[in-house]
Amino acid sequence: MANTTQAIENLAAEIGENIYIDVAKWRLYLREAHLHTTLAEQLYPLLTDNSLEENQISQILQNISVKIGGKREIPLADLLPTQCQANLMDLLEEFQRNI
């Protein structure tokens, strides 16, 4: 369990430092938005099951809601630029190779 927790924390750190949402051309990194751990917890099982597929990642991003202005919720997928989604896939593939 400790190894899994550490691995998720490491994954969260990687995501938090490299992946951002784009709001009015402002980059808000996921660690600053406090979304990196939530995303890592949901993605990590895909890495350990060797079932990492782009459509599954897209579904996870679609299912994570981000509250905007306290009134609206927008799927995380809609806030990540296309390049960030590609970078996330690359990051996950690299992380999977190293576990």
C-alpha atoms as a PDB file:
ATOM      1  CA  MET A   1       0.000   0.000   0.000  1.00  0.00           C
ATOM      2  CA  ALA A   2       2.815   2.415   0.851  1.00  0.00           C
ATOM      3  CA  ASN A   3       4.375   1.832  -2.576  1.00  0.00           C
ATOM      4  CA  THR A   4       1.051   2.540  -4.294  1.00  0.00           C
ATOM      5  CA  THR A   5       0.540   5.715  -2.274  1.00  0.00           C
ATOM      6  CA  GLN A   6       4.053   6.894  -3.112  1.00  0.00           C
ATOM      7  CA  ALA A   7       3.567   6.074  -6.796  1.00  0.00           C
ATOM      8  CA  ILE A   8       0.304   8.048  -6.906  1.00  0.00           C
ATOM      9  CA  GLU A   9       2.003  10.976  -5.166  1.00  0.00           C
ATOM     10  CA  ASN A  10       4.844  10.855  -7.704  1.00  0.00           C
ATOM     11  CA  LEU A  11       2.375  10.708 -10.583  1.00  0.00           C
ATOM     12  CA  ALA A  12       0.401  13.592  -9.086  1.00  0.00           C
ATOM     13  CA  ALA A  13       3.589  15.654  -8.812  1.00  0.00           C
ATOM     14  CA  GLU A  14       4.438  15.004 -12.472  1.00  0.00           C
ATOM     15  CA  ILE A  15       0.921  15.909 -13.581  1.00  0.00           C
ATOM     16  CA  GLY A  16       0.820  18.981 -11.346  1.00  0.00           C
ATOM     17  CA  GLU A  17       4.064  20.372 -12.726  1.00  0.00           C
ATOM     18  CA  ASN A  18       3.452  19.693 -16.419  1.00  0.00           C
ATOM     19  CA  ILE A  19      -0.262  19.782 -17.182  1.00  0.00           C
ATOM     20  CA  TYR A  20      -2.326  22.957 -17.091  1.00  0.00           C
ATOM     21  CA  ILE A  21      -5.754  24.307 -17.844  1.00  0.00           C
ATOM     22  CA  ASP A  22      -6.094  27.280 -20.131  1.00  0.00           C
ATOM     23  CA  VAL A  23      -8.431  30.049 -18.997  1.00  0.00           C
ATOM     24  CA  ALA A  24      -8.407  33.244 -21.052  1.00  0.00           C
ATOM     25  CA  LYS A  25      -4.848  32.430 -22.192  1.00  0.00           C
ATOM     26  CA  TRP A  26      -3.723  32.021 -18.584  1.00  0.00           C
ATOM     27  CA  ARG A  27      -2.024  28.759 -17.689  1.00  0.00           C
ATOM     28  CA  LEU A  28      -3.174  27.323 -14.392  1.00  0.00           C
ATOM     29  CA  TYR A  29      -1.148  24.231 -13.601  1.00  0.00           C
ATOM     30  CA  LEU A  30      -3.144  21.381 -12.081  1.00  0.00           C
ATOM     31  CA  ARG A  31      -1.188  21.487  -8.804  1.00  0.00           C
ATOM     32  CA  GLU A  32      -2.233  25.133  -8.401  1.00  0.00           C
ATOM     33  CA  ALA A  33      -5.830  24.192  -9.156  1.00  0.00           C
ATOM     34  CA  HIS A  34      -5.597  21.260  -6.688  1.00  0.00           C
ATOM     35  CA  LEU A  35      -6.634  18.805  -9.401  1.00  0.00           C
ATOM     36  CA  HIS A  36      -3.399  16.849  -9.815  1.00  0.00           C
ATOM     37  CA  THR A  37      -4.026  14.332  -7.022  1.00  0.00           C
ATOM     38  CA  THR A  38      -7.606  13.627  -8.072  1.00  0.00           C
ATOM     39  CA  LEU A  39      -6.466  13.005 -11.616  1.00  0.00           C
ATOM     40  CA  ALA A  40      -3.521  10.829 -10.545  1.00  0.00           C
ATOM     41  CA  GLU A  41      -5.756   8.681  -8.320  1.00  0.00           C
ATOM     42  CA  GLN A  42      -8.076   7.990 -11.229  1.00  0.00           C
ATOM     43  CA  LEU A  43      -5.348   7.396 -13.809  1.00  0.00           C
ATOM     44  CA  TYR A  44      -3.003   5.220 -11.746  1.00  0.00           C
ATOM     45  CA  PRO A  45      -5.118   2.020 -12.002  1.00  0.00           C
ATOM     46  CA  LEU A  46      -4.869   2.236 -15.810  1.00  0.00           C
ATOM     47  CA  LEU A  47      -1.085   2.277 -15.525  1.00  0.00           C
ATOM     48  CA  THR A  48      -0.893  -0.764 -13.279  1.00  0.00           C
ATOM     49  CA  ASP A  49      -3.410  -2.767 -15.337  1.00  0.00           C
ATOM     50  CA  ASN A  50      -1.521  -2.025 -18.552  1.00  0.00           C
ATOM     51  CA  SER A  51      -4.781  -0.743 -19.993  1.00  0.00           C
ATOM     52  CA  LEU A  52      -3.662   2.764 -20.863  1.00  0.00           C
ATOM     53  CA  GLU A  53      -5.804   3.909 -23.783  1.00  0.00           C
ATOM     54  CA  GLU A  54      -6.498   7.406 -24.995  1.00  0.00           C
ATOM     55  CA  ASN A  55     -10.280   6.970 -24.907  1.00  0.00           C
ATOM     56  CA  GLN A  56     -10.141   5.934 -21.229  1.00  0.00           C
ATOM     57  CA  ILE A  57      -8.065   8.979 -20.369  1.00  0.00           C
ATOM     58  CA  SER A  58     -10.496  11.185 -22.272  1.00  0.00           C
ATOM     59  CA  GLN A  59     -13.388   9.677 -20.330  1.00  0.00           C
ATOM     60  CA  ILE A  60     -11.663  10.327 -16.997  1.00  0.00           C
ATOM     61  CA  LEU A  61     -10.974  13.941 -18.020  1.00  0.00           C
ATOM     62  CA  GLN A  62     -14.609  14.284 -19.058  1.00  0.00           C
ATOM     63  CA  ASN A  63     -15.826  12.941 -15.696  1.00  0.00           C
ATOM     64  CA  ILE A  64     -13.787  15.327 -13.531  1.00  0.00           C
ATOM     65  CA  SER A  65     -15.804  18.500 -13.044  1.00  0.00           C
ATOM     66  CA  VAL A  66     -14.106  21.816 -12.369  1.00  0.00           C
ATOM     67  CA  LYS A  67     -16.152  24.438 -10.569  1.00  0.00           C
ATOM     68  CA  ILE A  68     -15.918  27.829 -12.253  1.00  0.00           C
ATOM     69  CA  GLY A  69     -17.081  30.908 -10.381  1.00  0.00           C
ATOM     70  CA  GLY A  70     -18.844  28.768  -7.821  1.00  0.00           C
ATOM     71  CA  LYS A  71     -21.846  28.435 -10.124  1.00  0.00           C
ATOM     72  CA  ARG A  72     -20.866  26.295 -13.097  1.00  0.00           C
ATOM     73  CA  GLU A  73     -19.046  23.047 -13.534  1.00  0.00           C
ATOM     74  CA  ILE A  74     -17.032  22.321 -16.641  1.00  0.00           C
ATOM     75  CA  PRO A  75     -15.381  18.995 -17.512  1.00  0.00           C
ATOM     76  CA  LEU A  76     -11.612  19.082 -17.098  1.00  0.00           C
ATOM     77  CA  ALA A  77     -11.347  17.824 -20.687  1.00  0.00           C
ATOM     78  CA  ASP A  78     -12.839  21.108 -21.912  1.00  0.00           C
ATOM     79  CA  LEU A  79     -10.235  23.169 -20.056  1.00  0.00           C
ATOM     80  CA  LEU A  80      -7.105  21.298 -21.153  1.00  0.00           C
ATOM     81  CA  PRO A  81      -5.596  22.445 -24.450  1.00  0.00           C
ATOM     82  CA  THR A  82      -5.153  19.702 -27.041  1.00  0.00           C
ATOM     83  CA  GLN A  83      -1.378  19.840 -26.631  1.00  0.00           C
ATOM     84  CA  CYS A  84      -1.723  19.345 -22.865  1.00  0.00           C
ATOM     85  CA  GLN A  85      -3.847  16.272 -23.415  1.00  0.00           C
ATOM     86  CA  ALA A  86      -1.152  14.888 -25.736  1.00  0.00           C
ATOM     87  CA  ASN A  87       1.507  15.771 -23.143  1.00  0.00           C
ATOM     88  CA  LEU A  88      -0.534  13.987 -20.480  1.00  0.00           C
ATOM     89  CA  MET A  89      -0.630  10.828 -22.596  1.00  0.00           C
ATOM     90  CA  ASP A  90       3.148  11.014 -23.129  1.00  0.00           C
ATOM     91  CA  LEU A  91       3.709  11.598 -19.415  1.00  0.00           C
ATOM     92  CA  LEU A  92       1.542   8.592 -18.531  1.00  0.00           C
ATOM     93  CA  GLU A  93       3.285   6.319 -21.027  1.00  0.00           C
ATOM     94  CA  GLU A  94       6.681   7.327 -19.625  1.00  0.00           C
ATOM     95  CA  PHE A  95       5.492   6.853 -16.046  1.00  0.00           C
ATOM     96  CA  GLN A  96       4.107   3.424 -16.916  1.00  0.00           C
ATOM     97  CA  ARG A  97       7.452   2.352 -18.384  1.00  0.00           C
ATOM     98  CA  ASN A  98       9.168   3.300 -15.132  1.00  0.00           C
ATOM     99  CA  ILE A  99       6.904   1.430 -12.697  1.00  0.00           C
END
